Amino acid sequence: MIRLLLLAGTAEARALSTSVQGVELVTSLAGVTAETAIYGGQVRRGGFGGVAGLARYLSVAGIDAVVDATHPFAEQISRHAVLACRSLDLPLLRLERRPWSAEPGDSWFPFESLNRAVGALPPGAVGFVAAGRSAATILPPHHVRLILRTIEAPKKVAKRVMILRARPPFPVADETRLFRAHGVTHLLCKNAGGSTGFTKLRAARALQLPVHMVTRPPQLKVPHVENVREALEWITCVAKPTPGGAQRA
């Protein structure tokens, strides 16, 4: 039985952790937010200490393979996973859900970063930001207000940024009422994909609000799947016993 490290923090990671069989699973959470969901396997919380720290952990813990199912915008840990696995010749899979696509009635404008998306807001705009608490320190232009929704309270908040604390899911009707109540003129978000977060985009469509959409970073050059079923198939292949140990995929 191989020992598998799952870098988690998404709905897909939760589903994979409770579905996988035939491996000894270690589920790693960054610990950025207080998780209420139940994960399978041995749960580990906190960082690794960079590429060297992750490589050291993989070696000491006897990890045979890694599945990176972190958030599509968790660039640092994904890069570290690639470098650490490469240094140890360990198989690595990226599980990343498909990004959202604009539909008829949408008014989306692509941006390479949230800072640029905020900076492009016109005078008098009220921007609703759904991008995590790290966005709380982004200073909006003068005569622009931001409303930032987060699960956990940020430690620092820039001027002209209002914090709303809430935990998903958010039904479309609730999102629509919220946008109207606060006079929201623009929606700003990262293209995270998934069905849960799409409700805010449906509300923006109904209200004909412009959406400043932060595009995803380029995909790393590792095996990549978009759903849990494909990830389970990859794990089954890697876990097949071979004379030399775990198969290197």
Protein backbone atom coordinates (compact mmCIF):
# COMPACT_ATOMS: atom_id res chain seq x y z
CA MET A 1 0.00 0.00 0.00
CA ILE A 2 1.49 3.33 -1.06
CA ARG A 3 1.47 6.48 1.07
CA LEU A 4 -0.24 9.39 -0.71
CA LEU A 5 -0.07 13.09 0.18
CA LEU A 6 -3.14 15.11 -0.81
CA LEU A 7 -2.65 18.86 -0.84
CA ALA A 8 -6.20 19.92 -0.07
CA GLY A 9 -8.43 22.93 0.50
CA THR A 10 -11.09 22.53 -2.22
CA ALA A 11 -14.38 20.68 -2.59
CA GLU A 12 -12.67 18.29 -5.00
CA ALA A 13 -10.00 17.55 -2.40
CA ARG A 14 -12.64 16.75 0.21
CA ALA A 15 -14.47 14.44 -2.17
CA LEU A 16 -11.24 12.70 -3.18
CA SER A 17 -10.10 12.25 0.42
CA THR A 18 -13.32 10.42 1.33
CA SER A 19 -13.44 8.34 -1.86
CA VAL A 20 -9.90 7.06 -2.32
CA GLN A 21 -9.17 3.48 -1.32
CA GLY A 22 -6.15 1.21 -1.29
CA VAL A 23 -3.67 3.88 -0.17
CA GLU A 24 -2.44 5.31 3.11
CA LEU A 25 -3.67 8.90 2.84
CA VAL A 26 -2.25 12.05 4.41
CA THR A 27 -4.44 15.12 3.79
CA SER A 28 -2.64 18.45 4.12
CA LEU A 29 -4.49 21.72 4.86
CA ALA A 30 -2.82 25.11 4.78
CA GLY A 31 -4.71 26.24 7.87
CA VAL A 32 -5.63 29.65 6.36
CA THR A 33 -9.27 29.24 7.40
CA ALA A 34 -10.99 27.19 10.07
CA GLU A 35 -12.18 24.15 8.13
CA THR A 36 -15.57 22.73 9.08
CA ALA A 37 -15.64 20.02 6.42
CA ILE A 38 -14.65 16.45 7.20
CA TYR A 39 -11.62 15.09 5.34
CA GLY A 40 -10.48 11.53 4.98
CA GLY A 41 -7.07 10.22 5.90
CA GLN A 42 -4.59 11.54 8.44
CA VAL A 43 -5.09 15.33 8.48
CA ARG A 44 -2.04 17.58 8.65
CA ARG A 45 -2.28 21.37 9.08
CA GLY A 46 0.18 24.14 8.31
CA GLY A 47 2.94 24.88 5.83
CA PHE A 48 6.05 22.90 4.97
CA GLY A 49 8.74 25.58 4.89
CA GLY A 50 9.29 26.09 1.19
CA VAL A 51 10.49 23.64 -1.42
CA ALA A 52 13.25 22.23 0.79
CA GLY A 53 10.84 21.76 3.68
CA LEU A 54 8.29 19.99 1.51
CA ALA A 55 10.94 17.72 -0.01
CA ARG A 56 12.19 16.89 3.46
CA TYR A 57 8.66 16.07 4.64
CA LEU A 58 7.98 13.86 1.61
CA SER A 59 11.17 11.93 2.27
CA VAL A 60 10.82 11.57 6.05
CA ALA A 61 7.10 10.72 5.89
CA GLY A 62 7.70 8.07 3.24
CA ILE A 63 5.35 9.64 0.70
CA ASP A 64 5.15 7.70 -2.58
CA ALA A 65 2.93 10.05 -4.63
CA VAL A 66 1.30 13.49 -4.38
CA VAL A 67 -2.02 14.90 -5.56
CA ASP A 68 -2.21 18.69 -5.64
CA ALA A 69 -5.89 19.62 -5.27
CA THR A 70 -5.34 23.11 -3.88
CA HIS A 71 -7.16 26.24 -5.06
CA PRO A 72 -6.51 27.23 -8.70
CA PHE A 73 -4.84 30.42 -7.44
CA ALA A 74 -2.66 28.76 -4.78
CA GLU A 75 0.36 29.26 -7.03
CA GLN A 76 3.11 28.98 -4.42
CA ILE A 77 2.30 25.56 -2.99
CA SER A 78 1.69 24.19 -6.49
CA ARG A 79 5.11 25.36 -7.68
CA HIS A 80 6.72 23.98 -4.54
CA ALA A 81 5.03 20.62 -5.11
CA VAL A 82 6.40 20.41 -8.65
CA LEU A 83 9.96 21.19 -7.58
CA ALA A 84 9.91 18.96 -4.50
CA CYS A 85 8.44 15.97 -6.35
CA ARG A 86 10.86 16.46 -9.22
CA SER A 87 13.81 16.43 -6.83
CA LEU A 88 12.68 13.11 -5.36
CA ASP A 89 11.32 11.57 -8.59
CA LEU A 90 7.84 11.22 -7.10
CA PRO A 91 4.69 11.08 -9.25
CA LEU A 92 2.57 14.25 -8.99
CA LEU A 93 -0.97 14.90 -10.23
CA ARG A 94 -2.72 18.28 -10.44
CA LEU A 95 -6.49 18.10 -9.80
CA GLU A 96 -7.96 21.43 -10.90
CA ARG A 97 -11.58 22.07 -11.78
CA ARG A 98 -12.50 23.69 -15.08
CA PRO A 99 -12.62 27.51 -15.09
CA TRP A 100 -15.85 29.43 -15.60
CA SER A 101 -16.79 30.64 -19.08
CA ALA A 102 -18.85 33.71 -19.90
CA GLU A 103 -22.40 33.01 -21.07
CA PRO A 104 -24.94 35.10 -23.00
CA GLY A 105 -25.84 38.17 -20.95
CA ASP A 106 -22.48 38.28 -19.13
CA SER A 107 -20.23 41.32 -19.27
CA TRP A 108 -16.79 40.07 -18.25
CA PHE A 109 -13.49 41.92 -18.46
CA PRO A 110 -10.29 39.87 -17.97
CA PHE A 111 -7.44 41.04 -15.71
CA GLU A 112 -4.16 39.36 -14.85
CA SER A 113 -4.34 40.37 -11.17
CA LEU A 114 -6.82 41.59 -8.60
CA ASN A 115 -4.84 44.80 -8.17
CA ARG A 116 -5.35 45.63 -11.85
CA ALA A 117 -9.03 44.69 -11.62
CA VAL A 118 -9.50 47.08 -8.70
CA GLY A 119 -7.46 49.82 -10.36
CA ALA A 120 -9.71 49.74 -13.43
CA LEU A 121 -12.88 50.59 -11.48
CA PRO A 122 -14.38 53.94 -12.55
CA PRO A 123 -14.97 56.84 -10.12
CA GLY A 124 -18.05 56.27 -7.96
CA ALA A 125 -17.93 52.49 -8.35
CA VAL A 126 -18.90 50.13 -5.56
CA GLY A 127 -17.00 46.91 -6.16
CA PHE A 128 -17.99 43.63 -4.54
CA VAL A 129 -14.88 41.50 -4.11
CA ALA A 130 -15.01 37.73 -3.61
CA ALA A 131 -11.32 36.82 -3.52
CA GLY A 132 -10.35 35.90 0.04
CA ARG A 133 -9.15 37.95 2.97
CA SER A 134 -5.74 38.70 1.43
CA ALA A 135 -7.57 41.23 -0.78
CA ALA A 136 -8.35 43.36 2.28
CA THR A 137 -5.07 45.27 1.97
CA ILE A 138 -5.69 46.38 -1.64
CA LEU A 139 -6.23 50.14 -1.57
CA PRO A 140 -8.96 51.13 -4.05
CA PRO A 141 -8.69 54.34 -6.08
CA HIS A 142 -10.17 57.53 -4.63
CA HIS A 143 -13.96 57.78 -4.99
CA VAL A 144 -14.21 53.99 -5.18
CA ARG A 145 -15.50 51.70 -2.43
CA LEU A 146 -14.92 47.98 -2.05
CA ILE A 147 -17.01 45.40 -0.22
CA LEU A 148 -14.95 42.32 0.55
CA ARG A 149 -16.58 39.08 1.61
CA THR A 150 -14.38 36.68 3.58
CA ILE A 151 -14.79 33.66 5.82
CA GLU A 152 -12.17 34.77 8.36
CA ALA A 153 -11.59 38.35 9.53
CA PRO A 154 -8.48 39.92 7.91
CA LYS A 155 -5.77 41.30 10.17
CA LYS A 156 -5.40 44.53 8.17
CA VAL A 157 -7.99 46.38 6.13
CA ALA A 158 -7.27 49.20 3.67
CA LYS A 159 -9.22 52.43 3.59
CA ARG A 160 -12.55 52.39 1.75
CA VAL A 161 -12.84 48.60 2.15
CA MET A 162 -15.86 47.20 3.98
CA ILE A 163 -15.67 43.63 5.31
CA LEU A 164 -18.57 41.19 5.19
CA ARG A 165 -17.94 37.87 6.93
CA ALA A 166 -19.88 34.90 5.63
CA ARG A 167 -19.41 31.26 4.71
CA PRO A 168 -20.83 29.69 1.51
CA PRO A 169 -23.04 28.50 -0.02
CA PHE A 170 -24.71 31.70 -1.26
CA PRO A 171 -27.97 31.20 -3.21
CA VAL A 172 -28.49 33.37 -6.29
CA ALA A 173 -31.49 35.15 -4.75
CA ASP A 174 -29.43 36.08 -1.66
CA GLU A 175 -26.56 37.35 -3.80
CA THR A 176 -28.95 39.48 -5.86
CA ARG A 177 -30.50 41.03 -2.75
CA LEU A 178 -27.06 41.66 -1.26
CA PHE A 179 -25.78 43.44 -4.36
CA ARG A 180 -28.88 45.62 -4.51
CA ALA A 181 -28.80 46.44 -0.80
CA HIS A 182 -25.21 47.70 -0.99
CA GLY A 183 -25.51 49.46 -4.33
CA VAL A 184 -22.90 47.24 -5.96
CA THR A 185 -21.90 48.41 -9.44
CA HIS A 186 -19.15 45.90 -10.26
CA LEU A 187 -18.25 42.33 -9.27
CA LEU A 188 -14.57 41.45 -8.88
CA CYS A 189 -13.50 37.82 -8.53
CA LYS A 190 -10.94 35.21 -9.49
CA ASN A 191 -11.86 32.55 -12.02
CA ALA A 192 -11.92 29.76 -9.45
CA GLY A 193 -14.49 27.60 -11.23
CA GLY A 194 -16.95 25.30 -9.50
CA SER A 195 -20.72 25.38 -9.05
CA THR A 196 -20.84 26.95 -5.57
CA GLY A 197 -19.09 30.21 -6.45
CA PHE A 198 -20.93 30.63 -9.74
CA THR A 199 -24.04 31.98 -8.03
CA LYS A 200 -22.52 35.45 -7.65
CA LEU A 201 -21.90 35.52 -11.39
CA ARG A 202 -25.50 34.58 -12.09
CA ALA A 203 -26.61 37.41 -9.80
CA ALA A 204 -24.32 39.84 -11.62
CA ARG A 205 -25.81 38.70 -14.93
CA ALA A 206 -29.33 39.26 -13.67
CA LEU A 207 -28.44 42.77 -12.52
CA GLN A 208 -26.33 43.46 -15.65
CA LEU A 209 -23.24 44.23 -13.56
CA PRO A 210 -19.79 44.33 -15.18
CA VAL A 211 -17.49 41.59 -13.89
CA HIS A 212 -13.76 42.18 -13.51
CA MET A 213 -12.52 38.59 -13.79
CA VAL A 214 -8.99 37.67 -12.73
CA THR A 215 -7.71 35.00 -15.08
CA ARG A 216 -5.94 31.91 -13.82
CA PRO A 217 -2.17 31.59 -13.75
CA PRO A 218 -0.69 29.33 -16.45
CA GLN A 219 -0.99 25.60 -15.78
CA LEU A 220 2.17 23.91 -14.58
CA LYS A 221 3.63 21.15 -16.73
CA VAL A 222 2.47 18.14 -14.73
CA PRO A 223 -0.22 15.49 -15.31
CA HIS A 224 -3.56 17.27 -14.95
CA VAL A 225 -7.17 16.16 -14.44
CA GLU A 226 -10.39 18.12 -13.91
CA ASN A 227 -12.48 15.82 -11.72
CA VAL A 228 -12.32 13.34 -8.86
CA ARG A 229 -13.09 10.32 -11.02
CA GLU A 230 -10.02 10.91 -13.18
CA ALA A 231 -7.90 11.52 -10.07
CA LEU A 232 -9.02 8.19 -8.61
CA GLU A 233 -8.06 6.44 -11.84
CA TRP A 234 -4.58 8.00 -11.69
CA ILE A 235 -4.14 6.95 -8.05
CA THR A 236 -5.20 3.40 -8.87
CA CYS A 237 -2.59 3.28 -11.63
CA VAL A 238 0.15 4.65 -9.39
CA ALA A 239 -0.80 2.32 -6.54
CA LYS A 240 -0.44 -0.85 -8.62
CA PRO A 241 2.35 -2.96 -7.09
CA THR A 242 5.49 -3.20 -9.19
CA PRO A 243 8.80 -4.94 -8.53
CA GLY A 244 10.49 -1.58 -7.96
CA GLY A 245 7.78 -0.11 -5.73
CA ALA A 246 5.25 2.55 -6.63
CA GLN A 247 4.86 3.23 -10.33
CA ARG A 248 6.29 6.57 -11.45
CA ALA A 249 3.66 8.28 -13.60
